[in-house]
Amino acid sequence: MKKKMLSMAAAITMAVVVLTGCSNGFKKDTVIEAAKGYGMKETQLLSEAIAVMNTEYAAYYVSKDSDEAEYMRNLLMHTDHDYEFDLKETIVFSEVNTYLSAEGIKVSDIKDAHTRIIYITAKDKKNAKEIYDLNAEWIINHEGTKGTDNGVEYTITYSSFAMSDGPDTESLYGVYLKGDTVIWIEAFTNCEPNDECTEYFCNKLGIVSPLTLRK
């Protein structure tokens, strides 16, 4: 009888470990340490972390509660606006370099290089998978490609076109799923190379960079 009880206890312990392991995603501490290592500073204002005009900065912002986490996801991501998800937390990391010509602020005058990384912790793996699938579909519709690497499901895309009067315009997107977490990466430039932030975070997190699609 004692042996059976011990076996049952061991089985329960193993089940807890397995279940806990299954929910494990990208570690928040790892992502934040990566941001700090890159030189990003934490800001207490969401507006400072998402502004893109007339500014140069590298900063990140952590949602204050689950409601703000969902607000940020809905505001910053390109799809899912007709859905609501149960989120624990959203963090946005941004690097922005935006320049205006002497003539003013016409769109054609804006010289912009920016990168944004969104880190989402969902209530559970089901919510995370739903967020991932909807955003992956958006990327696939923009000539994206899917894959799995080291237990991370990913969908990425990259595009560029030549400019007659300056550097090529480039844009890239990636969405990644691991356990109960989702990471979204996007970057754009029409003025200068903009690889560093994307490559840095992808290397630190061990994920496939959308820049691997550059030919």
N, C-alpha and C. Protein backbone atom coordinates (compact mmCIF):
# COMPACT_ATOMS: atom_id res chain seq x y z
N MET A 1 0.83 -1.20 0.00
CA MET A 1 0.00 0.00 0.00
C MET A 1 0.87 1.26 0.00
N LYS A 2 1.93 1.23 0.77
CA LYS A 2 2.81 2.38 0.86
C LYS A 2 3.49 2.63 -0.48
N LYS A 3 3.87 1.51 -1.15
CA LYS A 3 4.52 1.66 -2.44
C LYS A 3 3.57 2.30 -3.45
N LYS A 4 2.31 1.90 -3.43
CA LYS A 4 1.32 2.47 -4.34
C LYS A 4 1.12 3.95 -4.08
N MET A 5 1.09 4.32 -2.81
CA MET A 5 0.93 5.73 -2.46
C MET A 5 2.11 6.54 -2.94
N LEU A 6 3.31 5.98 -2.78
CA LEU A 6 4.49 6.67 -3.25
C LEU A 6 4.47 6.82 -4.77
N SER A 7 4.02 5.78 -5.44
CA SER A 7 3.93 5.82 -6.89
C SER A 7 2.95 6.88 -7.35
N MET A 8 1.82 6.94 -6.64
CA MET A 8 0.81 7.94 -6.99
C MET A 8 1.35 9.35 -6.77
N ALA A 9 2.06 9.56 -5.67
CA ALA A 9 2.64 10.88 -5.39
C ALA A 9 3.65 11.25 -6.47
N ALA A 10 4.46 10.26 -6.86
CA ALA A 10 5.45 10.52 -7.91
C ALA A 10 4.77 10.88 -9.22
N ALA A 11 3.67 10.17 -9.52
CA ALA A 11 2.94 10.44 -10.76
C ALA A 11 2.36 11.85 -10.76
N ILE A 12 1.81 12.26 -9.60
CA ILE A 12 1.24 13.60 -9.50
C ILE A 12 2.33 14.65 -9.68
N THR A 13 3.49 14.41 -9.03
CA THR A 13 4.61 15.34 -9.15
C THR A 13 5.06 15.47 -10.60
N MET A 14 5.15 14.32 -11.29
CA MET A 14 5.56 14.34 -12.69
C MET A 14 4.55 15.09 -13.55
N ALA A 15 3.26 14.88 -13.25
CA ALA A 15 2.21 15.55 -14.02
C ALA A 15 2.30 17.05 -13.85
N VAL A 16 2.57 17.50 -12.61
CA VAL A 16 2.70 18.93 -12.35
C VAL A 16 3.88 19.50 -13.13
N VAL A 17 5.00 18.76 -13.10
CA VAL A 17 6.19 19.21 -13.82
C VAL A 17 5.91 19.30 -15.31
N VAL A 18 5.24 18.28 -15.85
CA VAL A 18 4.94 18.27 -17.28
C VAL A 18 4.01 19.41 -17.65
N LEU A 19 2.97 19.61 -16.84
CA LEU A 19 2.03 20.68 -17.13
C LEU A 19 2.70 22.05 -17.03
N THR A 20 3.52 22.20 -16.00
CA THR A 20 4.23 23.47 -15.84
C THR A 20 5.17 23.71 -17.01
N GLY A 21 5.88 22.65 -17.41
CA GLY A 21 6.80 22.78 -18.52
C GLY A 21 6.09 23.15 -19.81
N CYS A 22 4.87 22.58 -20.00
CA CYS A 22 4.12 22.83 -21.22
C CYS A 22 3.71 24.29 -21.33
N SER A 23 3.49 24.95 -20.18
CA SER A 23 3.04 26.33 -20.22
C SER A 23 4.21 27.32 -20.30
N ASN A 24 5.41 26.79 -20.10
CA ASN A 24 6.58 27.68 -20.11
C ASN A 24 6.78 28.30 -21.48
N GLY A 25 6.94 29.60 -21.49
CA GLY A 25 7.18 30.29 -22.75
C GLY A 25 8.48 31.05 -22.69
N PHE A 26 8.58 32.11 -23.48
CA PHE A 26 9.73 33.00 -23.40
C PHE A 26 9.74 33.65 -22.02
N LYS A 27 10.87 33.68 -21.38
CA LYS A 27 10.97 34.22 -20.03
C LYS A 27 10.99 35.75 -20.04
N LYS A 28 10.15 36.34 -19.22
CA LYS A 28 10.09 37.80 -19.13
C LYS A 28 11.45 38.38 -18.75
N ASP A 29 12.08 37.78 -17.76
CA ASP A 29 13.38 38.31 -17.31
C ASP A 29 14.40 38.30 -18.44
N THR A 30 14.37 37.26 -19.27
CA THR A 30 15.31 37.16 -20.39
C THR A 30 15.08 38.28 -21.39
N VAL A 31 13.80 38.55 -21.69
CA VAL A 31 13.48 39.58 -22.66
C VAL A 31 13.86 40.96 -22.14
N ILE A 32 13.57 41.23 -20.86
CA ILE A 32 13.89 42.53 -20.29
C ILE A 32 15.40 42.72 -20.16
N GLU A 33 16.10 41.67 -19.76
CA GLU A 33 17.56 41.77 -19.68
C GLU A 33 18.17 42.03 -21.05
N ALA A 34 17.58 41.42 -22.07
CA ALA A 34 18.04 41.68 -23.43
C ALA A 34 17.84 43.14 -23.79
N ALA A 35 16.67 43.68 -23.43
CA ALA A 35 16.39 45.09 -23.72
C ALA A 35 17.38 46.01 -23.02
N LYS A 36 17.63 45.74 -21.76
CA LYS A 36 18.59 46.56 -21.01
C LYS A 36 19.99 46.45 -21.61
N GLY A 37 20.36 45.24 -22.02
CA GLY A 37 21.66 45.05 -22.64
C GLY A 37 21.80 45.80 -23.94
N TYR A 38 20.69 46.01 -24.62
CA TYR A 38 20.69 46.76 -25.88
C TYR A 38 20.73 48.26 -25.64
N GLY A 39 20.42 48.66 -24.41
CA GLY A 39 20.43 50.08 -24.07
C GLY A 39 19.06 50.70 -23.94
N MET A 40 18.01 49.88 -23.93
CA MET A 40 16.66 50.41 -23.77
C MET A 40 16.39 50.74 -22.30
N LYS A 41 15.69 51.84 -22.08
CA LYS A 41 15.32 52.28 -20.75
C LYS A 41 13.82 52.08 -20.54
N GLU A 42 13.45 51.69 -19.33
CA GLU A 42 12.02 51.54 -19.04
C GLU A 42 11.37 52.91 -18.90
N THR A 43 10.21 53.08 -19.49
CA THR A 43 9.43 54.30 -19.35
C THR A 43 8.11 53.98 -18.66
N GLN A 44 7.57 54.95 -17.93
CA GLN A 44 6.30 54.77 -17.25
C GLN A 44 5.13 55.29 -18.07
N LEU A 45 5.41 55.76 -19.30
CA LEU A 45 4.36 56.29 -20.17
C LEU A 45 4.32 55.47 -21.45
N LEU A 46 3.18 54.87 -21.72
CA LEU A 46 3.03 54.10 -22.94
C LEU A 46 3.28 54.96 -24.17
N SER A 47 2.83 56.21 -24.13
CA SER A 47 2.99 57.11 -25.27
C SER A 47 4.46 57.30 -25.64
N GLU A 48 5.34 57.27 -24.65
CA GLU A 48 6.76 57.44 -24.93
C GLU A 48 7.35 56.22 -25.62
N ALA A 49 6.75 55.05 -25.39
CA ALA A 49 7.28 53.82 -25.96
C ALA A 49 6.74 53.52 -27.35
N ILE A 50 5.73 54.25 -27.79
CA ILE A 50 5.16 53.96 -29.11
C ILE A 50 5.17 55.14 -30.05
N ALA A 51 5.63 56.32 -29.61
CA ALA A 51 5.69 57.48 -30.49
C ALA A 51 6.68 57.21 -31.62
N VAL A 52 6.41 57.75 -32.81
CA VAL A 52 7.30 57.50 -33.93
C VAL A 52 7.68 58.77 -34.69
N MET A 53 7.22 59.93 -34.25
CA MET A 53 7.49 61.16 -34.98
C MET A 53 8.49 62.06 -34.24
N ASN A 54 9.40 62.65 -35.01
CA ASN A 54 10.31 63.65 -34.46
C ASN A 54 11.05 63.19 -33.22
N THR A 55 11.58 61.99 -33.25
CA THR A 55 12.19 61.50 -32.03
C THR A 55 13.24 60.43 -32.31
N GLU A 56 14.10 60.26 -31.36
CA GLU A 56 15.08 59.18 -31.39
C GLU A 56 15.13 58.59 -29.98
N TYR A 57 14.87 57.31 -29.85
CA TYR A 57 14.91 56.70 -28.52
C TYR A 57 14.92 55.19 -28.61
N ALA A 58 15.24 54.57 -27.51
CA ALA A 58 15.14 53.12 -27.33
C ALA A 58 14.56 52.91 -25.94
N ALA A 59 13.34 52.40 -25.85
CA ALA A 59 12.65 52.32 -24.56
C ALA A 59 11.68 51.14 -24.56
N TYR A 60 11.26 50.74 -23.33
CA TYR A 60 10.24 49.71 -23.23
C TYR A 60 9.23 50.09 -22.13
N TYR A 61 8.04 49.53 -22.26
CA TYR A 61 6.95 49.84 -21.33
C TYR A 61 6.24 48.54 -20.97
N VAL A 62 5.97 48.36 -19.67
CA VAL A 62 5.30 47.17 -19.16
C VAL A 62 3.87 47.53 -18.77
N SER A 63 2.90 46.76 -19.25
CA SER A 63 1.49 47.03 -18.93
C SER A 63 1.27 47.00 -17.42
N LYS A 64 0.37 47.87 -16.97
CA LYS A 64 0.11 47.99 -15.54
C LYS A 64 -0.82 46.90 -15.01
N ASP A 65 -1.71 46.38 -15.88
CA ASP A 65 -2.64 45.33 -15.48
C ASP A 65 -3.12 44.59 -16.72
N SER A 66 -3.98 43.60 -16.53
CA SER A 66 -4.43 42.78 -17.65
C SER A 66 -5.26 43.58 -18.65
N ASP A 67 -6.04 44.55 -18.17
CA ASP A 67 -6.83 45.38 -19.09
C ASP A 67 -5.92 46.19 -20.01
N GLU A 68 -4.87 46.78 -19.45
CA GLU A 68 -3.96 47.54 -20.29
C GLU A 68 -3.18 46.62 -21.21
N ALA A 69 -2.89 45.41 -20.75
CA ALA A 69 -2.19 44.45 -21.59
C ALA A 69 -3.00 44.17 -22.86
N GLU A 70 -4.30 43.99 -22.70
CA GLU A 70 -5.17 43.74 -23.86
C GLU A 70 -5.31 44.99 -24.72
N TYR A 71 -5.39 46.15 -24.09
CA TYR A 71 -5.46 47.41 -24.84
C TYR A 71 -4.22 47.59 -25.71
N MET A 72 -3.06 47.31 -25.16
CA MET A 72 -1.81 47.44 -25.90
C MET A 72 -1.76 46.46 -27.07
N ARG A 73 -2.16 45.22 -26.82
CA ARG A 73 -2.17 44.23 -27.91
C ARG A 73 -3.06 44.70 -29.04
N ASN A 74 -4.24 45.18 -28.70
CA ASN A 74 -5.20 45.61 -29.72
C ASN A 74 -4.72 46.85 -30.45
N LEU A 75 -4.01 47.73 -29.73
CA LEU A 75 -3.53 48.97 -30.32
C LEU A 75 -2.34 48.75 -31.25
N LEU A 76 -1.43 47.87 -30.86
CA LEU A 76 -0.14 47.80 -31.52
C LEU A 76 -0.01 46.70 -32.57
N MET A 77 -0.82 45.67 -32.48
CA MET A 77 -0.68 44.58 -33.44
C MET A 77 -1.59 44.82 -34.64
N HIS A 78 -1.32 44.14 -35.72
CA HIS A 78 -1.96 44.46 -36.99
C HIS A 78 -3.28 43.75 -37.22
N THR A 79 -3.65 42.86 -36.36
CA THR A 79 -4.89 42.11 -36.53
C THR A 79 -5.50 41.82 -35.16
N ASP A 80 -6.52 40.98 -35.13
CA ASP A 80 -7.20 40.59 -33.88
C ASP A 80 -8.05 41.71 -33.29
N HIS A 81 -8.35 42.76 -34.02
CA HIS A 81 -9.05 43.90 -33.43
C HIS A 81 -10.51 43.58 -33.10
N ASP A 82 -11.05 42.52 -33.69
CA ASP A 82 -12.43 42.13 -33.40
C ASP A 82 -12.51 41.08 -32.30
N TYR A 83 -11.37 40.81 -31.66
CA TYR A 83 -11.31 39.76 -30.64
C TYR A 83 -10.83 40.36 -29.32
N GLU A 84 -11.16 39.66 -28.24
CA GLU A 84 -10.60 40.00 -26.93
C GLU A 84 -9.96 38.74 -26.35
N PHE A 85 -8.84 38.92 -25.70
CA PHE A 85 -8.10 37.78 -25.15
C PHE A 85 -7.83 38.00 -23.67
N ASP A 86 -7.67 36.88 -22.97
CA ASP A 86 -7.29 36.95 -21.56
C ASP A 86 -5.77 37.01 -21.47
N LEU A 87 -5.26 38.17 -21.13
CA LEU A 87 -3.81 38.36 -21.07
C LEU A 87 -3.36 38.65 -19.64
N LYS A 88 -2.16 38.23 -19.34
CA LYS A 88 -1.55 38.57 -18.06
C LYS A 88 -0.74 39.85 -18.18
N GLU A 89 -0.03 39.99 -19.30
CA GLU A 89 0.88 41.13 -19.41
C GLU A 89 1.28 41.33 -20.87
N THR A 90 1.53 42.60 -21.22
CA THR A 90 2.10 42.95 -22.51
C THR A 90 3.23 43.95 -22.28
N ILE A 91 4.34 43.74 -22.97
CA ILE A 91 5.46 44.66 -22.90
C ILE A 91 5.82 45.07 -24.32
N VAL A 92 6.00 46.36 -24.54
CA VAL A 92 6.42 46.83 -25.86
C VAL A 92 7.83 47.40 -25.75
N PHE A 93 8.68 46.99 -26.67
CA PHE A 93 10.06 47.46 -26.77
C PHE A 93 10.20 48.18 -28.10
N SER A 94 10.76 49.39 -28.08
CA SER A 94 10.84 50.17 -29.31
C SER A 94 12.19 50.85 -29.47
N GLU A 95 12.66 50.85 -30.70
CA GLU A 95 13.79 51.69 -31.08
C GLU A 95 13.33 52.52 -32.27
N VAL A 96 13.48 53.83 -32.18
CA VAL A 96 12.97 54.72 -33.22
C VAL A 96 14.01 55.77 -33.58
N ASN A 97 14.19 55.98 -34.87
CA ASN A 97 14.98 57.10 -35.38
C ASN A 97 14.19 57.70 -36.53
N THR A 98 13.55 58.82 -36.28
CA THR A 98 12.72 59.47 -37.29
C THR A 98 13.27 60.85 -37.59
N TYR A 99 13.44 61.15 -38.85
CA TYR A 99 14.03 62.43 -39.25
C TYR A 99 13.11 63.12 -40.24
N LEU A 100 12.99 64.43 -40.14
CA LEU A 100 12.19 65.20 -41.07
C LEU A 100 13.09 66.10 -41.90
N SER A 101 12.72 66.28 -43.16
CA SER A 101 13.51 67.16 -44.01
C SER A 101 13.25 68.61 -43.62
N ALA A 102 14.03 69.51 -44.15
CA ALA A 102 13.89 70.93 -43.84
C ALA A 102 12.57 71.50 -44.37
N GLU A 103 11.98 70.81 -45.32
CA GLU A 103 10.75 71.35 -45.92
C GLU A 103 9.50 71.15 -45.08
N GLY A 104 9.53 70.28 -44.09
CA GLY A 104 8.32 70.09 -43.30
C GLY A 104 8.06 68.64 -42.98
N ILE A 105 6.79 68.31 -42.78
CA ILE A 105 6.44 66.98 -42.31
C ILE A 105 5.59 66.21 -43.31
N LYS A 106 5.71 66.50 -44.58
CA LYS A 106 5.02 65.69 -45.57
C LYS A 106 5.52 64.25 -45.46
N VAL A 107 4.63 63.31 -45.76
CA VAL A 107 5.00 61.91 -45.65
C VAL A 107 6.23 61.60 -46.48
N SER A 108 6.33 62.19 -47.65
CA SER A 108 7.47 61.93 -48.52
C SER A 108 8.78 62.44 -47.93
N ASP A 109 8.70 63.33 -46.95
CA ASP A 109 9.91 63.90 -46.33
C ASP A 109 10.41 63.09 -45.14
N ILE A 110 9.56 62.23 -44.62
CA ILE A 110 9.91 61.52 -43.39
C ILE A 110 10.94 60.43 -43.67
N LYS A 111 12.02 60.48 -42.93
CA LYS A 111 13.03 59.44 -42.99
C LYS A 111 12.94 58.65 -41.69
N ASP A 112 12.61 57.39 -41.80
CA ASP A 112 12.21 56.64 -40.62
C ASP A 112 12.93 55.30 -40.56
N ALA A 113 13.44 54.96 -39.39
CA ALA A 113 13.97 53.63 -39.13
C ALA A 113 13.48 53.23 -37.74
N HIS A 114 12.64 52.21 -37.68
CA HIS A 114 12.12 51.83 -36.37
C HIS A 114 11.97 50.31 -36.25
N THR A 115 12.05 49.86 -35.02
CA THR A 115 11.84 48.45 -34.68
C THR A 115 10.95 48.39 -33.47
N ARG A 116 10.00 47.46 -33.50
CA ARG A 116 9.10 47.28 -32.34
C ARG A 116 8.99 45.79 -32.05
N ILE A 117 9.16 45.45 -30.77
CA ILE A 117 8.98 44.08 -30.30
C ILE A 117 7.88 44.09 -29.25
N ILE A 118 6.90 43.23 -29.41
CA ILE A 118 5.80 43.13 -28.45
C ILE A 118 5.85 41.75 -27.81
N TYR A 119 5.90 41.72 -26.51
CA TYR A 119 5.97 40.47 -25.74
C TYR A 119 4.66 40.30 -24.97
N ILE A 120 3.96 39.22 -25.23
CA ILE A 120 2.65 38.99 -24.63
C ILE A 120 2.65 37.70 -23.82
N THR A 121 2.20 37.78 -22.59
CA THR A 121 1.95 36.59 -21.78
C THR A 121 0.44 36.42 -21.66
N ALA A 122 -0.06 35.33 -22.22
CA ALA A 122 -1.50 35.07 -22.20
C ALA A 122 -1.89 34.31 -20.93
N LYS A 123 -3.18 34.23 -20.70
CA LYS A 123 -3.69 33.50 -19.53
C LYS A 123 -3.31 32.03 -19.61
N ASP A 124 -3.31 31.48 -20.82
CA ASP A 124 -2.98 30.08 -21.02
C ASP A 124 -2.49 29.86 -22.45
N LYS A 125 -2.10 28.62 -22.73
CA LYS A 125 -1.57 28.31 -24.06
C LYS A 125 -2.63 28.46 -25.14
N LYS A 126 -3.89 28.20 -24.81
CA LYS A 126 -4.95 28.31 -25.80
C LYS A 126 -5.08 29.74 -26.31
N ASN A 127 -5.09 30.70 -25.38
CA ASN A 127 -5.17 32.11 -25.78
C ASN A 127 -3.95 32.52 -26.59
N ALA A 128 -2.78 32.06 -26.17
CA ALA A 128 -1.56 32.40 -26.89
C ALA A 128 -1.60 31.84 -28.31
N LYS A 129 -2.06 30.63 -28.46
CA LYS A 129 -2.15 30.00 -29.77
C LYS A 129 -3.12 30.75 -30.67
N GLU A 130 -4.23 31.21 -30.13
CA GLU A 130 -5.20 31.97 -30.92
C GLU A 130 -4.60 33.29 -31.41
N ILE A 131 -3.89 33.98 -30.52
CA ILE A 131 -3.23 35.23 -30.92
C ILE A 131 -2.19 34.96 -32.00
N TYR A 132 -1.41 33.93 -31.79
CA TYR A 132 -0.39 33.58 -32.77
C TYR A 132 -1.01 33.26 -34.13
N ASP A 133 -2.02 32.40 -34.15
CA ASP A 133 -2.62 31.95 -35.41
C ASP A 133 -3.19 33.11 -36.23
N LEU A 134 -3.86 34.03 -35.57
CA LEU A 134 -4.46 35.15 -36.29
C LEU A 134 -3.40 36.08 -36.87
N ASN A 135 -2.35 36.33 -36.12
CA ASN A 135 -1.29 37.19 -36.63
C ASN A 135 -0.42 36.47 -37.67
N ALA A 136 -0.26 35.16 -37.50
CA ALA A 136 0.47 34.38 -38.50
C ALA A 136 -0.29 34.40 -39.83
N GLU A 137 -1.60 34.33 -39.76
CA GLU A 137 -2.40 34.39 -40.99
C GLU A 137 -2.19 35.72 -41.71
N TRP A 138 -2.13 36.82 -40.94
CA TRP A 138 -1.89 38.13 -41.53
C TRP A 138 -0.54 38.15 -42.25
N ILE A 139 0.48 37.58 -41.62
CA ILE A 139 1.81 37.55 -42.23
C ILE A 139 1.83 36.66 -43.47
N ILE A 140 1.19 35.51 -43.40
CA ILE A 140 1.12 34.62 -44.56
C ILE A 140 0.47 35.32 -45.74
N ASN A 141 -0.55 36.12 -45.46
CA ASN A 141 -1.21 36.88 -46.52
C ASN A 141 -0.32 37.97 -47.10
N HIS A 142 0.80 38.25 -46.42
CA HIS A 142 1.79 39.20 -46.92
C HIS A 142 3.07 38.45 -47.29
N GLU A 143 2.89 37.34 -47.99
CA GLU A 143 3.99 36.54 -48.53
C GLU A 143 4.90 36.01 -47.43
N GLY A 144 4.30 35.57 -46.34
CA GLY A 144 5.08 35.04 -45.24
C GLY A 144 5.38 33.56 -45.39
N THR A 145 6.24 33.07 -44.49
CA THR A 145 6.59 31.66 -44.46
C THR A 145 6.57 31.17 -43.01
N LYS A 146 6.22 29.89 -42.82
CA LYS A 146 6.08 29.32 -41.48
C LYS A 146 7.17 28.30 -41.21
N GLY A 147 7.41 28.05 -39.91
CA GLY A 147 8.34 27.01 -39.53
C GLY A 147 8.32 26.78 -38.04
N THR A 148 9.11 25.82 -37.59
CA THR A 148 9.31 25.54 -36.17
C THR A 148 10.79 25.35 -35.93
N ASP A 149 11.31 25.96 -34.88
CA ASP A 149 12.72 25.87 -34.58
C ASP A 149 12.92 25.85 -33.08
N ASN A 150 13.55 24.79 -32.57
CA ASN A 150 13.81 24.66 -31.13
C ASN A 150 12.56 24.83 -30.29
N GLY A 151 11.45 24.26 -30.76
CA GLY A 151 10.21 24.31 -29.99
C GLY A 151 9.43 25.60 -30.13
N VAL A 152 9.92 26.52 -30.97
CA VAL A 152 9.25 27.80 -31.19
C VAL A 152 8.58 27.76 -32.57
N GLU A 153 7.29 27.99 -32.59
CA GLU A 153 6.56 28.10 -33.85
C GLU A 153 6.68 29.54 -34.34
N TYR A 154 6.96 29.72 -35.62
CA TYR A 154 7.16 31.09 -36.10
C TYR A 154 6.59 31.27 -37.50
N THR A 155 6.25 32.53 -37.80
CA THR A 155 5.83 32.94 -39.14
C THR A 155 6.49 34.29 -39.40
N ILE A 156 7.20 34.41 -40.52
CA ILE A 156 7.97 35.62 -40.80
C ILE A 156 7.79 36.06 -42.25
N THR A 157 8.05 37.35 -42.49
CA THR A 157 8.06 37.87 -43.86
C THR A 157 9.03 39.04 -43.95
N TYR A 158 9.52 39.27 -45.15
CA TYR A 158 10.46 40.37 -45.41
C TYR A 158 10.18 40.92 -46.80
N SER A 159 10.25 42.24 -46.96
CA SER A 159 10.05 42.83 -48.28
C SER A 159 10.92 44.08 -48.42
N SER A 160 11.24 44.41 -49.66
CA SER A 160 12.00 45.62 -49.94
C SER A 160 11.72 46.08 -51.36
N PHE A 161 11.93 47.36 -51.59
CA PHE A 161 11.89 47.85 -52.96
C PHE A 161 12.86 49.01 -53.09
N ALA A 162 13.39 49.17 -54.29
CA ALA A 162 14.45 50.15 -54.52
C ALA A 162 13.89 51.56 -54.58
N MET A 163 14.64 52.50 -54.01
CA MET A 163 14.30 53.91 -54.07
C MET A 163 15.26 54.59 -55.04
N SER A 164 14.74 55.46 -55.87
CA SER A 164 15.59 56.12 -56.87
C SER A 164 16.51 57.17 -56.25
N ASP A 165 16.10 57.72 -55.09
CA ASP A 165 16.85 58.83 -54.51
C ASP A 165 17.44 58.50 -53.14
N GLY A 166 17.62 57.22 -52.83
CA GLY A 166 18.17 56.90 -51.53
C GLY A 166 18.21 55.40 -51.29
N PRO A 167 18.41 54.99 -50.02
CA PRO A 167 18.49 53.57 -49.69
C PRO A 167 17.17 52.85 -49.99
N ASP A 168 17.26 51.55 -50.15
CA ASP A 168 16.06 50.75 -50.35
C ASP A 168 15.14 50.88 -49.13
N THR A 169 13.84 50.79 -49.38
CA THR A 169 12.88 50.69 -48.29
C THR A 169 12.70 49.22 -47.94
N GLU A 170 12.81 48.92 -46.65
CA GLU A 170 12.69 47.54 -46.18
C GLU A 170 11.68 47.47 -45.04
N SER A 171 10.94 46.36 -45.01
CA SER A 171 10.06 46.10 -43.87
C SER A 171 10.07 44.61 -43.57
N LEU A 172 9.86 44.29 -42.31
CA LEU A 172 9.84 42.88 -41.92
C LEU A 172 8.88 42.68 -40.75
N TYR A 173 8.35 41.46 -40.66
CA TYR A 173 7.43 41.11 -39.59
C TYR A 173 7.70 39.67 -39.17
N GLY A 174 7.51 39.39 -37.88
CA GLY A 174 7.62 38.03 -37.39
C GLY A 174 6.74 37.84 -36.17
N VAL A 175 6.10 36.67 -36.07
CA VAL A 175 5.34 36.34 -34.87
C VAL A 175 5.79 34.95 -34.41
N TYR A 176 5.93 34.79 -33.10
CA TYR A 176 6.54 33.60 -32.52
C TYR A 176 5.70 33.11 -31.35
N LEU A 177 5.55 31.79 -31.24
CA LEU A 177 4.75 31.18 -30.18
C LEU A 177 5.59 30.18 -29.40
N LYS A 178 5.58 30.34 -28.08
CA LYS A 178 6.23 29.37 -27.20
C LYS A 178 5.42 29.30 -25.92
N GLY A 179 4.78 28.17 -25.67
CA GLY A 179 3.97 28.01 -24.47
C GLY A 179 2.85 29.01 -24.41
N ASP A 180 2.80 29.78 -23.33
CA ASP A 180 1.73 30.76 -23.14
C ASP A 180 2.17 32.18 -23.52
N THR A 181 3.24 32.28 -24.30
CA THR A 181 3.76 33.60 -24.69
C THR A 181 3.82 33.75 -26.21
N VAL A 182 3.64 34.99 -26.65
CA VAL A 182 3.74 35.34 -28.07
C VAL A 182 4.67 36.54 -28.19
N ILE A 183 5.53 36.51 -29.19
CA ILE A 183 6.38 37.67 -29.50
C ILE A 183 6.09 38.12 -30.92
N TRP A 184 5.93 39.42 -31.07
CA TRP A 184 5.72 40.04 -32.37
C TRP A 184 6.89 40.98 -32.63
N ILE A 185 7.49 40.89 -33.83
CA ILE A 185 8.58 41.78 -34.22
C ILE A 185 8.21 42.45 -35.53
N GLU A 186 8.44 43.76 -35.61
CA GLU A 186 8.27 44.46 -36.87
C GLU A 186 9.34 45.54 -36.98
N ALA A 187 9.79 45.80 -38.20
CA ALA A 187 10.80 46.84 -38.41
C ALA A 187 10.60 47.43 -39.80
N PHE A 188 11.02 48.68 -39.93
CA PHE A 188 10.89 49.41 -41.19
C PHE A 188 12.03 50.40 -41.30
N THR A 189 12.49 50.62 -42.51
CA THR A 189 13.46 51.68 -42.74
C THR A 189 13.35 52.19 -44.17
N ASN A 190 13.49 53.49 -44.33
CA ASN A 190 13.60 54.08 -45.67
C ASN A 190 14.77 55.06 -45.74
N CYS A 191 15.71 54.90 -44.78
CA CYS A 191 16.79 55.88 -44.74
C CYS A 191 18.16 55.30 -44.41
N GLU A 192 18.20 54.18 -43.73
CA GLU A 192 19.49 53.65 -43.31
C GLU A 192 19.32 52.19 -42.93
N PRO A 193 20.39 51.42 -42.87
CA PRO A 193 20.27 50.02 -42.44
C PRO A 193 19.61 49.93 -41.06
N ASN A 194 18.80 48.91 -40.85
CA ASN A 194 18.02 48.82 -39.61
C ASN A 194 18.00 47.38 -39.10
N ASP A 195 19.15 46.71 -39.16
CA ASP A 195 19.22 45.30 -38.81
C ASP A 195 19.49 45.05 -37.33
N GLU A 196 20.20 45.98 -36.70
CA GLU A 196 20.83 45.69 -35.41
C GLU A 196 19.84 45.24 -34.33
N CYS A 197 18.76 45.98 -34.15
CA CYS A 197 17.83 45.67 -33.07
C CYS A 197 17.16 44.32 -33.28
N THR A 198 16.68 44.08 -34.50
CA THR A 198 16.03 42.80 -34.81
C THR A 198 16.98 41.64 -34.60
N GLU A 199 18.18 41.74 -35.14
CA GLU A 199 19.14 40.65 -35.03
C GLU A 199 19.55 40.42 -33.58
N TYR A 200 19.70 41.50 -32.82
CA TYR A 200 20.10 41.38 -31.42
C TYR A 200 19.05 40.60 -30.63
N PHE A 201 17.79 41.00 -30.73
CA PHE A 201 16.74 40.33 -29.97
C PHE A 201 16.53 38.89 -30.44
N CYS A 202 16.58 38.67 -31.75
CA CYS A 202 16.41 37.31 -32.26
C CYS A 202 17.51 36.39 -31.74
N ASN A 203 18.74 36.89 -31.71
CA ASN A 203 19.85 36.09 -31.19
C ASN A 203 19.69 35.83 -29.69
N LYS A 204 19.32 36.84 -28.94
CA LYS A 204 19.16 36.69 -27.50
C LYS A 204 18.04 35.72 -27.14
N LEU A 205 16.96 35.72 -27.94
CA LEU A 205 15.80 34.89 -27.65
C LEU A 205 15.86 33.54 -28.36
N GLY A 206 16.84 33.37 -29.23
CA GLY A 206 16.99 32.11 -29.94
C GLY A 206 15.89 31.85 -30.96
N ILE A 207 15.45 32.90 -31.66
CA ILE A 207 14.39 32.76 -32.64
C ILE A 207 14.89 33.13 -34.04
N VAL A 208 14.18 32.64 -35.04
CA VAL A 208 14.57 32.86 -36.44
C VAL A 208 14.23 34.29 -36.85
N SER A 209 15.20 35.03 -37.31
CA SER A 209 14.99 36.41 -37.71
C SER A 209 14.32 36.50 -39.08
N PRO A 210 13.37 37.43 -39.24
CA PRO A 210 12.82 37.67 -40.58
C PRO A 210 13.88 38.08 -41.60
N LEU A 211 15.01 38.59 -41.11
CA LEU A 211 16.08 39.00 -42.02
C LEU A 211 16.74 37.82 -42.72
N THR A 212 16.46 36.59 -42.26
CA THR A 212 16.97 35.41 -42.97
C THR A 212 16.34 35.29 -44.36
N LEU A 213 15.23 36.00 -44.58
CA LEU A 213 14.56 35.95 -45.88
C LEU A 213 15.13 36.97 -46.86
N ARG A 214 15.99 37.85 -46.40
CA ARG A 214 16.59 38.83 -47.29
C ARG A 214 17.49 38.13 -48.30
N LYS A 215 17.34 38.49 -49.56
CA LYS A 215 18.12 37.83 -50.63
C LYS A 215 19.20 38.78 -51.15
